[in-house]
Amino acid sequence: MKHPVHRIKPLVRLLAAGFFLSGLALPMAMAQGVYRIVGPDGRVSYSDQPPPASANAQPVAGVSSSGSGGVPLPNELRQAVSRYPATLFTGKDCAPCNSGRNMLNARGIPYTEKTVTSADDIAALQRLSGANTLPLLTLGGQQLKGFSDTEWNQYLDAAGYPKRSVLPSAYRRPAATPLVEAAAAPEAANRNRPAAPAPTPVAPPVSAPGGIRF
């Protein structure tokens, strides 16, 4: 099912949100679980937040929503990662990004996460994908714009990723990093450069593609 895509906000609002959230960020004392939630309309979503007691939800066994890598992977998963590495591009206050991230965590997909927050990040995303929708998932050279649990699973299947998590219990996911790393000592001109305008959103296709190519 195709979910709404997230429009990249103007840089001023992104930075304001970043300053506010940075004061709230605290190290996680323990890894969060991932929950599979079925809504009243039958739509399936994933969340790393404990759902209400009345929700039709089940925890996904053996899956954590945080951590870092460095643990040897099973052969089937290692081959898929080697041939079609997964990279997830996300933004702040992006509900579809959270759904996509939680879906990948629930399925046990190793991936690199790149955040899009600065003017340089936005420009790099547009050069990379030719669009401004988030989330963006890449599997090797294939790009999936906007979150769709059905479409993403279809492409992951075609790429050879296991249908269920086979990640070792000691596996920890790497922390998300900016799409464009900030320079250690930027020039004054760069510091005072006007923020890039928010790009015009482009809606993702309504239906999954007829054929899958990598």
C-alpha atoms as a PDB file:
ATOM      1  CA  MET A   1       0.000   0.000   0.000  1.00  0.00           C
ATOM      2  CA  LYS A   2       1.381   3.370  -1.005  1.00  0.00           C
ATOM      3  CA  HIS A   3       1.739   5.883   1.815  1.00  0.00           C
ATOM      4  CA  PRO A   4       1.923   9.686   1.435  1.00  0.00           C
ATOM      5  CA  VAL A   5       5.413  10.980   0.756  1.00  0.00           C
ATOM      6  CA  HIS A   6       7.072  13.559   2.922  1.00  0.00           C
ATOM      7  CA  ARG A   7       7.772  17.017   1.504  1.00  0.00           C
ATOM      8  CA  ILE A   8      11.170  18.464   2.394  1.00  0.00           C
ATOM      9  CA  LYS A   9      10.548  21.526   4.555  1.00  0.00           C
ATOM     10  CA  PRO A  10      12.261  24.893   4.088  1.00  0.00           C
ATOM     11  CA  LEU A  11      15.713  24.948   5.639  1.00  0.00           C
ATOM     12  CA  VAL A  12      14.761  27.571   8.233  1.00  0.00           C
ATOM     13  CA  ARG A  13      12.057  25.315   9.657  1.00  0.00           C
ATOM     14  CA  LEU A  14      14.347  22.294   9.529  1.00  0.00           C
ATOM     15  CA  LEU A  15      17.066  24.094  11.451  1.00  0.00           C
ATOM     16  CA  ALA A  16      14.584  25.374  14.025  1.00  0.00           C
ATOM     17  CA  ALA A  17      13.325  21.849  14.583  1.00  0.00           C
ATOM     18  CA  GLY A  18      16.915  20.602  14.778  1.00  0.00           C
ATOM     19  CA  PHE A  19      17.853  23.090  17.508  1.00  0.00           C
ATOM     20  CA  PHE A  20      14.788  22.110  19.520  1.00  0.00           C
ATOM     21  CA  LEU A  21      15.271  18.380  19.141  1.00  0.00           C
ATOM     22  CA  SER A  22      18.989  18.509  19.860  1.00  0.00           C
ATOM     23  CA  GLY A  23      18.226  19.595  23.400  1.00  0.00           C
ATOM     24  CA  LEU A  24      15.922  16.640  23.866  1.00  0.00           C
ATOM     25  CA  ALA A  25      18.186  13.957  22.416  1.00  0.00           C
ATOM     26  CA  LEU A  26      19.480  11.548  25.051  1.00  0.00           C
ATOM     27  CA  PRO A  27      21.406   8.291  24.659  1.00  0.00           C
ATOM     28  CA  MET A  28      19.149   5.254  24.566  1.00  0.00           C
ATOM     29  CA  ALA A  29      19.463   3.171  27.698  1.00  0.00           C
ATOM     30  CA  MET A  30      18.357   0.075  25.850  1.00  0.00           C
ATOM     31  CA  ALA A  31      17.321  -0.952  22.342  1.00  0.00           C
ATOM     32  CA  GLN A  32      13.701  -0.330  21.391  1.00  0.00           C
ATOM     33  CA  GLY A  33      11.491  -3.026  19.961  1.00  0.00           C
ATOM     34  CA  VAL A  34       9.616  -2.891  16.678  1.00  0.00           C
ATOM     35  CA  TYR A  35       5.861  -3.519  16.514  1.00  0.00           C
ATOM     36  CA  ARG A  36       3.715  -4.712  13.598  1.00  0.00           C
ATOM     37  CA  ILE A  37       0.362  -2.898  13.763  1.00  0.00           C
ATOM     38  CA  VAL A  38      -2.789  -3.736  11.793  1.00  0.00           C
ATOM     39  CA  GLY A  39      -5.204  -0.796  11.593  1.00  0.00           C
ATOM     40  CA  PRO A  40      -9.023  -0.987  11.496  1.00  0.00           C
ATOM     41  CA  ASP A  41      -8.838  -0.715   7.692  1.00  0.00           C
ATOM     42  CA  GLY A  42      -6.428  -3.660   7.490  1.00  0.00           C
ATOM     43  CA  ARG A  43      -3.408  -1.503   6.655  1.00  0.00           C
ATOM     44  CA  VAL A  44      -0.150  -2.788   8.136  1.00  0.00           C
ATOM     45  CA  SER A  45       2.381  -0.387   9.618  1.00  0.00           C
ATOM     46  CA  TYR A  46       5.498  -0.678  11.767  1.00  0.00           C
ATOM     47  CA  SER A  47       6.459   1.437  14.759  1.00  0.00           C
ATOM     48  CA  ASP A  48       9.237   1.556  17.330  1.00  0.00           C
ATOM     49  CA  GLN A  49       6.838   3.103  19.857  1.00  0.00           C
ATOM     50  CA  PRO A  50       4.712   0.845  22.103  1.00  0.00           C
ATOM     51  CA  PRO A  51       1.161   0.907  20.685  1.00  0.00           C
ATOM     52  CA  PRO A  52      -2.001   1.451  22.801  1.00  0.00           C
ATOM     53  CA  ALA A  53      -3.352  -1.605  24.583  1.00  0.00           C
ATOM     54  CA  SER A  54      -6.408  -1.561  22.292  1.00  0.00           C
ATOM     55  CA  ALA A  55      -4.306  -1.726  19.097  1.00  0.00           C
ATOM     56  CA  ASN A  56      -3.996  -4.910  17.029  1.00  0.00           C
ATOM     57  CA  ALA A  57      -0.216  -5.086  17.357  1.00  0.00           C
ATOM     58  CA  GLN A  58       2.475  -7.684  17.855  1.00  0.00           C
ATOM     59  CA  PRO A  59       6.169  -7.208  18.649  1.00  0.00           C
ATOM     60  CA  VAL A  60       8.544  -8.422  15.955  1.00  0.00           C
ATOM     61  CA  ALA A  61      10.706 -10.979  17.720  1.00  0.00           C
ATOM     62  CA  GLY A  62      14.449 -10.475  17.789  1.00  0.00           C
ATOM     63  CA  VAL A  63      14.394  -7.090  16.070  1.00  0.00           C
ATOM     64  CA  SER A  64      15.822  -3.904  17.525  1.00  0.00           C
ATOM     65  CA  SER A  65      15.329  -0.402  16.144  1.00  0.00           C
ATOM     66  CA  SER A  66      18.798   0.878  16.990  1.00  0.00           C
ATOM     67  CA  GLY A  67      22.462  -0.067  17.158  1.00  0.00           C
ATOM     68  CA  SER A  68      25.522  -0.458  14.933  1.00  0.00           C
ATOM     69  CA  GLY A  69      26.969  -3.095  12.665  1.00  0.00           C
ATOM     70  CA  GLY A  70      30.219  -5.070  12.757  1.00  0.00           C
ATOM     71  CA  VAL A  71      28.857  -8.611  13.267  1.00  0.00           C
ATOM     72  CA  PRO A  72      29.312 -11.272  10.520  1.00  0.00           C
ATOM     73  CA  LEU A  73      26.104 -11.855   8.579  1.00  0.00           C
ATOM     74  CA  PRO A  74      24.616 -15.172   7.424  1.00  0.00           C
ATOM     75  CA  ASN A  75      25.672 -16.118   3.891  1.00  0.00           C
ATOM     76  CA  GLU A  76      22.299 -15.438   2.181  1.00  0.00           C
ATOM     77  CA  LEU A  77      22.010 -12.008   3.745  1.00  0.00           C
ATOM     78  CA  ARG A  78      25.672 -11.177   3.131  1.00  0.00           C
ATOM     79  CA  GLN A  79      25.302 -11.922  -0.591  1.00  0.00           C
ATOM     80  CA  ALA A  80      22.249  -9.656  -0.909  1.00  0.00           C
ATOM     81  CA  VAL A  81      24.001  -6.844   0.971  1.00  0.00           C
ATOM     82  CA  SER A  82      27.070  -7.219  -1.244  1.00  0.00           C
ATOM     83  CA  ARG A  83      25.109  -7.155  -4.519  1.00  0.00           C
ATOM     84  CA  TYR A  84      22.361  -4.678  -3.628  1.00  0.00           C
ATOM     85  CA  PRO A  85      23.312  -2.616  -0.546  1.00  0.00           C
ATOM     86  CA  ALA A  86      20.397  -0.716   0.964  1.00  0.00           C
ATOM     87  CA  THR A  87      20.555   3.002   1.758  1.00  0.00           C
ATOM     88  CA  LEU A  88      17.646   4.877   3.341  1.00  0.00           C
ATOM     89  CA  PHE A  89      17.348   8.668   3.005  1.00  0.00           C
ATOM     90  CA  THR A  90      15.179  10.293   5.675  1.00  0.00           C
ATOM     91  CA  GLY A  91      14.140  13.671   7.070  1.00  0.00           C
ATOM     92  CA  LYS A  92      12.955  15.057  10.395  1.00  0.00           C
ATOM     93  CA  ASP A  93       9.265  14.942  11.325  1.00  0.00           C
ATOM     94  CA  CYS A  94       8.685  12.498   8.447  1.00  0.00           C
ATOM     95  CA  ALA A  95       6.071   9.858   9.284  1.00  0.00           C
ATOM     96  CA  PRO A  96       6.613   7.849   6.044  1.00  0.00           C
ATOM     97  CA  CYS A  97      10.362   7.826   6.833  1.00  0.00           C
ATOM     98  CA  ASN A  98       9.634   6.329  10.251  1.00  0.00           C
ATOM     99  CA  SER A  99       7.360   3.705   8.687  1.00  0.00           C
ATOM    100  CA  GLY A 100      10.006   2.771   6.129  1.00  0.00           C
ATOM    101  CA  ARG A 101      12.750   2.554   8.746  1.00  0.00           C
ATOM    102  CA  ASN A 102      10.638   0.387  11.031  1.00  0.00           C
ATOM    103  CA  MET A 103       9.661  -1.903   8.149  1.00  0.00           C
ATOM    104  CA  LEU A 104      13.332  -2.471   7.246  1.00  0.00           C
ATOM    105  CA  ASN A 105      14.144  -3.108  10.912  1.00  0.00           C
ATOM    106  CA  ALA A 106      11.278  -5.577  11.238  1.00  0.00           C
ATOM    107  CA  ARG A 107      12.447  -7.543   8.194  1.00  0.00           C
ATOM    108  CA  GLY A 108      16.051  -7.505   9.412  1.00  0.00           C
ATOM    109  CA  ILE A 109      17.528  -5.546   6.502  1.00  0.00           C
ATOM    110  CA  PRO A 110      21.001  -4.084   7.124  1.00  0.00           C
ATOM    111  CA  TYR A 111      21.043  -0.553   5.706  1.00  0.00           C
ATOM    112  CA  THR A 112      22.844   2.769   5.825  1.00  0.00           C
ATOM    113  CA  GLU A 113      20.710   5.761   6.819  1.00  0.00           C
ATOM    114  CA  LYS A 114      21.419   9.241   5.449  1.00  0.00           C
ATOM    115  CA  THR A 115      19.563  12.256   6.831  1.00  0.00           C
ATOM    116  CA  VAL A 116      18.465  15.208   4.692  1.00  0.00           C
ATOM    117  CA  THR A 117      18.346  18.424   6.742  1.00  0.00           C
ATOM    118  CA  SER A 118      20.726  21.075   5.367  1.00  0.00           C
ATOM    119  CA  ALA A 119      20.727  23.040   2.115  1.00  0.00           C
ATOM    120  CA  ASP A 120      23.634  20.893   0.895  1.00  0.00           C
ATOM    121  CA  ASP A 121      21.699  17.728   1.778  1.00  0.00           C
ATOM    122  CA  ILE A 122      18.656  18.888  -0.198  1.00  0.00           C
ATOM    123  CA  ALA A 123      20.770  19.781  -3.228  1.00  0.00           C
ATOM    124  CA  ALA A 124      22.567  16.417  -3.071  1.00  0.00           C
ATOM    125  CA  LEU A 125      19.254  14.539  -2.836  1.00  0.00           C
ATOM    126  CA  GLN A 126      17.950  16.316  -5.925  1.00  0.00           C
ATOM    127  CA  ARG A 127      21.127  15.493  -7.861  1.00  0.00           C
ATOM    128  CA  LEU A 128      20.918  11.876  -6.748  1.00  0.00           C
ATOM    129  CA  SER A 129      17.242  11.145  -7.386  1.00  0.00           C
ATOM    130  CA  GLY A 130      15.977  14.019  -9.524  1.00  0.00           C
ATOM    131  CA  ALA A 131      13.136  14.427  -7.008  1.00  0.00           C
ATOM    132  CA  ASN A 132      12.458  15.778  -3.543  1.00  0.00           C
ATOM    133  CA  THR A 133      10.388  13.016  -1.957  1.00  0.00           C
ATOM    134  CA  LEU A 134      11.278  11.273   1.270  1.00  0.00           C
ATOM    135  CA  PRO A 135      11.858   8.586   2.158  1.00  0.00           C
ATOM    136  CA  LEU A 136      14.116   7.388  -0.645  1.00  0.00           C
ATOM    137  CA  LEU A 137      15.351   3.802  -0.549  1.00  0.00           C
ATOM    138  CA  THR A 138      18.123   2.628  -2.865  1.00  0.00           C
ATOM    139  CA  LEU A 139      18.946  -1.038  -3.470  1.00  0.00           C
ATOM    140  CA  GLY A 140      22.126  -1.000  -5.481  1.00  0.00           C
ATOM    141  CA  GLY A 141      21.238   1.248  -8.424  1.00  0.00           C
ATOM    142  CA  GLN A 142      17.456   0.912  -7.979  1.00  0.00           C
ATOM    143  CA  GLN A 143      15.623   3.889  -6.408  1.00  0.00           C
ATOM    144  CA  LEU A 144      12.278   3.627  -4.598  1.00  0.00           C
ATOM    145  CA  LYS A 145      10.709   7.044  -3.964  1.00  0.00           C
ATOM    146  CA  GLY A 146       8.143   7.271  -1.189  1.00  0.00           C
ATOM    147  CA  PHE A 147       7.229   4.468   1.212  1.00  0.00           C
ATOM    148  CA  SER A 148       5.139   1.501   0.130  1.00  0.00           C
ATOM    149  CA  ASP A 149       5.372  -1.644   2.251  1.00  0.00           C
ATOM    150  CA  THR A 150       4.165  -3.784  -0.675  1.00  0.00           C
ATOM    151  CA  GLU A 151       6.562  -2.272  -3.209  1.00  0.00           C
ATOM    152  CA  TRP A 152       9.557  -2.253  -0.891  1.00  0.00           C
ATOM    153  CA  ASN A 153       9.029  -5.899   0.033  1.00  0.00           C
ATOM    154  CA  GLN A 154       8.681  -6.752  -3.660  1.00  0.00           C
ATOM    155  CA  TYR A 155      12.041  -5.214  -4.496  1.00  0.00           C
ATOM    156  CA  LEU A 156      13.740  -6.709  -1.425  1.00  0.00           C
ATOM    157  CA  ASP A 157      12.473 -10.144  -2.492  1.00  0.00           C
ATOM    158  CA  ALA A 158      13.828  -9.630  -6.012  1.00  0.00           C
ATOM    159  CA  ALA A 159      17.200  -8.538  -4.606  1.00  0.00           C
ATOM    160  CA  GLY A 160      17.485 -11.793  -2.667  1.00  0.00           C
ATOM    161  CA  TYR A 161      17.007 -10.517   0.868  1.00  0.00           C
ATOM    162  CA  PRO A 162      15.531 -13.087   3.297  1.00  0.00           C
ATOM    163  CA  LYS A 163      11.803 -12.643   3.897  1.00  0.00           C
ATOM    164  CA  ARG A 164      12.315 -12.847   7.666  1.00  0.00           C
ATOM    165  CA  SER A 165      15.043 -11.466   9.858  1.00  0.00           C
ATOM    166  CA  VAL A 166      18.140 -13.665  10.122  1.00  0.00           C
ATOM    167  CA  LEU A 167      20.286 -10.987  11.742  1.00  0.00           C
ATOM    168  CA  PRO A 168      22.547 -12.270  14.525  1.00  0.00           C
ATOM    169  CA  SER A 169      21.345 -11.301  17.999  1.00  0.00           C
ATOM    170  CA  ALA A 170      24.544  -9.287  18.521  1.00  0.00           C
ATOM    171  CA  TYR A 171      23.994  -7.165  15.395  1.00  0.00           C
ATOM    172  CA  ARG A 172      23.680  -3.431  16.019  1.00  0.00           C
ATOM    173  CA  ARG A 173      22.672  -0.913  13.373  1.00  0.00           C
ATOM    174  CA  PRO A 174      25.000   1.982  12.500  1.00  0.00           C
ATOM    175  CA  ALA A 175      23.876   5.463  13.482  1.00  0.00           C
ATOM    176  CA  ALA A 176      22.347   7.717  10.838  1.00  0.00           C
ATOM    177  CA  THR A 177      24.684  10.323   9.315  1.00  0.00           C
ATOM    178  CA  PRO A 178      24.061  13.469   7.196  1.00  0.00           C
ATOM    179  CA  LEU A 179      23.901  12.976   3.441  1.00  0.00           C
ATOM    180  CA  VAL A 180      26.571  15.683   3.088  1.00  0.00           C
ATOM    181  CA  GLU A 181      29.167  15.721   5.841  1.00  0.00           C
ATOM    182  CA  ALA A 182      29.787  19.227   7.221  1.00  0.00           C
ATOM    183  CA  ALA A 183      33.269  20.676   6.685  1.00  0.00           C
ATOM    184  CA  ALA A 184      35.399  20.965   9.791  1.00  0.00           C
ATOM    185  CA  ALA A 185      36.025  24.697   9.228  1.00  0.00           C
ATOM    186  CA  PRO A 186      33.687  26.137   6.582  1.00  0.00           C
ATOM    187  CA  GLU A 187      34.514  29.476   4.964  1.00  0.00           C
ATOM    188  CA  ALA A 188      32.557  32.508   6.120  1.00  0.00           C
ATOM    189  CA  ALA A 189      30.966  32.786   2.707  1.00  0.00           C
ATOM    190  CA  ASN A 190      29.607  29.287   3.010  1.00  0.00           C
ATOM    191  CA  ARG A 191      28.345  29.911   6.522  1.00  0.00           C
ATOM    192  CA  ASN A 192      26.417  32.968   5.311  1.00  0.00           C
ATOM    193  CA  ARG A 193      25.135  31.372   2.124  1.00  0.00           C
ATOM    194  CA  PRO A 194      21.332  31.743   1.741  1.00  0.00           C
ATOM    195  CA  ALA A 195      19.303  28.646   2.406  1.00  0.00           C
ATOM    196  CA  ALA A 196      18.181  26.678  -0.627  1.00  0.00           C
ATOM    197  CA  PRO A 197      14.450  26.968  -1.345  1.00  0.00           C
ATOM    198  CA  ALA A 198      12.335  23.939  -0.653  1.00  0.00           C
ATOM    199  CA  PRO A 199      11.895  21.938  -3.883  1.00  0.00           C
ATOM    200  CA  THR A 200       8.499  21.280  -5.397  1.00  0.00           C
ATOM    201  CA  PRO A 201       7.221  17.854  -4.298  1.00  0.00           C
ATOM    202  CA  VAL A 202       6.826  15.103  -6.865  1.00  0.00           C
ATOM    203  CA  ALA A 203       4.217  12.457  -6.172  1.00  0.00           C
ATOM    204  CA  PRO A 204       5.366   8.803  -6.420  1.00  0.00           C
ATOM    205  CA  PRO A 205       3.680   6.414  -8.875  1.00  0.00           C
ATOM    206  CA  VAL A 206       0.304   5.105  -7.726  1.00  0.00           C
ATOM    207  CA  SER A 207       1.026   1.451  -8.505  1.00  0.00           C
ATOM    208  CA  ALA A 208       4.060  -0.803  -8.335  1.00  0.00           C
ATOM    209  CA  PRO A 209       6.140  -1.106 -11.529  1.00  0.00           C
ATOM    210  CA  GLY A 210       5.309  -3.841 -13.970  1.00  0.00           C
ATOM    211  CA  GLY A 211       8.819  -5.311 -13.866  1.00  0.00           C
ATOM    212  CA  ILE A 212      11.646  -5.205 -11.391  1.00  0.00           C
ATOM    213  CA  ARG A 213      15.100  -4.362 -12.676  1.00  0.00           C
ATOM    214  CA  PHE A 214      18.340  -3.918 -10.781  1.00  0.00           C
END
